[in-house]
Amino acid sequence: MSALTPVDTYETLYARLQEVVARLEQGELPLAEALALYEQGVRLAADCQHLLDSAELRVQQLLSGEPAIDLEA
């Protein structure tokens, strides 16, 4: 996973992932560019999943009454 910056929200990462997917679905890309876009998409998907996992853990902690742990620190 790449290092997330403070401005990388789930929404911004997901929007970037959608752009990558759209470009790949258009086709007609040189192999090197398609591969680079695919790699970028994999990283973006992993970053989105990390943010979703962190949010799920936080919700579980809130529901169980446990103190929240800051995973982004």
C-alpha atoms as a PDB file:
ATOM      1  CA  MET A   1       0.000   0.000   0.000  1.00  0.00           C
ATOM      2  CA  SER A   2       1.212   3.492  -0.690  1.00  0.00           C
ATOM      3  CA  ALA A   3       1.492   6.174   1.953  1.00  0.00           C
ATOM      4  CA  LEU A   4      -1.769   8.060   2.258  1.00  0.00           C
ATOM      5  CA  THR A   5      -1.626  11.817   2.561  1.00  0.00           C
ATOM      6  CA  PRO A   6      -4.004  13.785   4.794  1.00  0.00           C
ATOM      7  CA  VAL A   7      -6.022  14.862   1.738  1.00  0.00           C
ATOM      8  CA  ASP A   8      -6.481  11.296   0.479  1.00  0.00           C
ATOM      9  CA  THR A   9     -10.053  10.577   1.411  1.00  0.00           C
ATOM     10  CA  TYR A  10     -11.923   7.487   0.368  1.00  0.00           C
ATOM     11  CA  GLU A  11     -13.957   9.589  -2.037  1.00  0.00           C
ATOM     12  CA  THR A  12     -10.931  11.109  -3.783  1.00  0.00           C
ATOM     13  CA  LEU A  13      -9.161   7.759  -4.051  1.00  0.00           C
ATOM     14  CA  TYR A  14     -12.307   6.070  -5.368  1.00  0.00           C
ATOM     15  CA  ALA A  15     -12.817   8.817  -7.945  1.00  0.00           C
ATOM     16  CA  ARG A  16      -9.230   8.367  -9.145  1.00  0.00           C
ATOM     17  CA  LEU A  17      -9.771   4.591  -9.308  1.00  0.00           C
ATOM     18  CA  GLN A  18     -12.887   5.108 -11.434  1.00  0.00           C
ATOM     19  CA  GLU A  19     -10.877   7.297 -13.818  1.00  0.00           C
ATOM     20  CA  VAL A  20      -8.215   4.616 -14.158  1.00  0.00           C
ATOM     21  CA  VAL A  21     -10.822   1.923 -14.814  1.00  0.00           C
ATOM     22  CA  ALA A  22     -12.549   4.089 -17.425  1.00  0.00           C
ATOM     23  CA  ARG A  23      -9.281   4.659 -19.267  1.00  0.00           C
ATOM     24  CA  LEU A  24      -8.478   0.946 -19.206  1.00  0.00           C
ATOM     25  CA  GLU A  25     -11.959   0.042 -20.430  1.00  0.00           C
ATOM     26  CA  GLN A  26     -11.597   2.394 -23.405  1.00  0.00           C
ATOM     27  CA  GLY A  27      -8.818   0.184 -24.684  1.00  0.00           C
ATOM     28  CA  GLU A  28      -6.471   1.226 -27.467  1.00  0.00           C
ATOM     29  CA  LEU A  29      -3.677   1.928 -24.960  1.00  0.00           C
ATOM     30  CA  PRO A  30      -0.086   0.912 -25.528  1.00  0.00           C
ATOM     31  CA  LEU A  31       0.837  -2.079 -23.387  1.00  0.00           C
ATOM     32  CA  ALA A  32       3.233  -0.108 -21.174  1.00  0.00           C
ATOM     33  CA  GLU A  33       0.615   2.554 -20.436  1.00  0.00           C
ATOM     34  CA  ALA A  34      -2.081  -0.052 -19.767  1.00  0.00           C
ATOM     35  CA  LEU A  35       0.213  -1.880 -17.364  1.00  0.00           C
ATOM     36  CA  ALA A  36       1.117   1.345 -15.536  1.00  0.00           C
ATOM     37  CA  LEU A  37      -2.572   2.236 -15.218  1.00  0.00           C
ATOM     38  CA  TYR A  38      -3.374  -1.262 -13.962  1.00  0.00           C
ATOM     39  CA  GLU A  39      -0.646  -0.991 -11.311  1.00  0.00           C
ATOM     40  CA  GLN A  40      -1.991   2.414 -10.264  1.00  0.00           C
ATOM     41  CA  GLY A  41      -5.487   0.930 -10.034  1.00  0.00           C
ATOM     42  CA  VAL A  42      -4.283  -1.912  -7.826  1.00  0.00           C
ATOM     43  CA  ARG A  43      -2.621   0.579  -5.461  1.00  0.00           C
ATOM     44  CA  LEU A  44      -5.716   2.789  -5.375  1.00  0.00           C
ATOM     45  CA  ALA A  45      -7.960  -0.210  -4.677  1.00  0.00           C
ATOM     46  CA  ALA A  46      -5.678  -1.290  -1.816  1.00  0.00           C
ATOM     47  CA  ASP A  47      -5.712   2.229  -0.358  1.00  0.00           C
ATOM     48  CA  CYS A  48      -9.520   2.341  -0.565  1.00  0.00           C
ATOM     49  CA  GLN A  49      -9.735  -1.047   1.144  1.00  0.00           C
ATOM     50  CA  HIS A  50      -7.409   0.140   3.921  1.00  0.00           C
ATOM     51  CA  LEU A  51      -9.626   3.152   4.585  1.00  0.00           C
ATOM     52  CA  LEU A  52     -12.743   0.975   4.597  1.00  0.00           C
ATOM     53  CA  ASP A  53     -11.102  -1.506   6.987  1.00  0.00           C
ATOM     54  CA  SER A  54     -10.109   1.343   9.311  1.00  0.00           C
ATOM     55  CA  ALA A  55     -13.641   2.741   9.267  1.00  0.00           C
ATOM     56  CA  GLU A  56     -15.116  -0.698   9.985  1.00  0.00           C
ATOM     57  CA  LEU A  57     -12.760  -1.206  12.931  1.00  0.00           C
ATOM     58  CA  ARG A  58     -13.671   2.196  14.314  1.00  0.00           C
ATOM     59  CA  VAL A  59     -17.395   1.427  14.068  1.00  0.00           C
ATOM     60  CA  GLN A  60     -16.858  -1.937  15.784  1.00  0.00           C
ATOM     61  CA  GLN A  61     -14.939  -0.228  18.589  1.00  0.00           C
ATOM     62  CA  LEU A  62     -17.661   2.368  19.035  1.00  0.00           C
ATOM     63  CA  LEU A  63     -20.354  -0.300  19.149  1.00  0.00           C
ATOM     64  CA  SER A  64     -18.442  -2.353  21.713  1.00  0.00           C
ATOM     65  CA  GLY A  65     -17.607   0.651  23.886  1.00  0.00           C
ATOM     66  CA  GLU A  66     -13.856   0.236  23.402  1.00  0.00           C
ATOM     67  CA  PRO A  67     -11.746   3.370  23.124  1.00  0.00           C
ATOM     68  CA  ALA A  68     -10.902   4.197  19.522  1.00  0.00           C
ATOM     69  CA  ILE A  69      -7.372   3.512  18.327  1.00  0.00           C
ATOM     70  CA  ASP A  70      -5.894   6.012  15.864  1.00  0.00           C
ATOM     71  CA  LEU A  71      -4.663   3.759  13.031  1.00  0.00           C
ATOM     72  CA  GLU A  72      -3.483   6.677  10.923  1.00  0.00           C
ATOM     73  CA  ALA A  73      -0.805   7.778  13.410  1.00  0.00           C
END
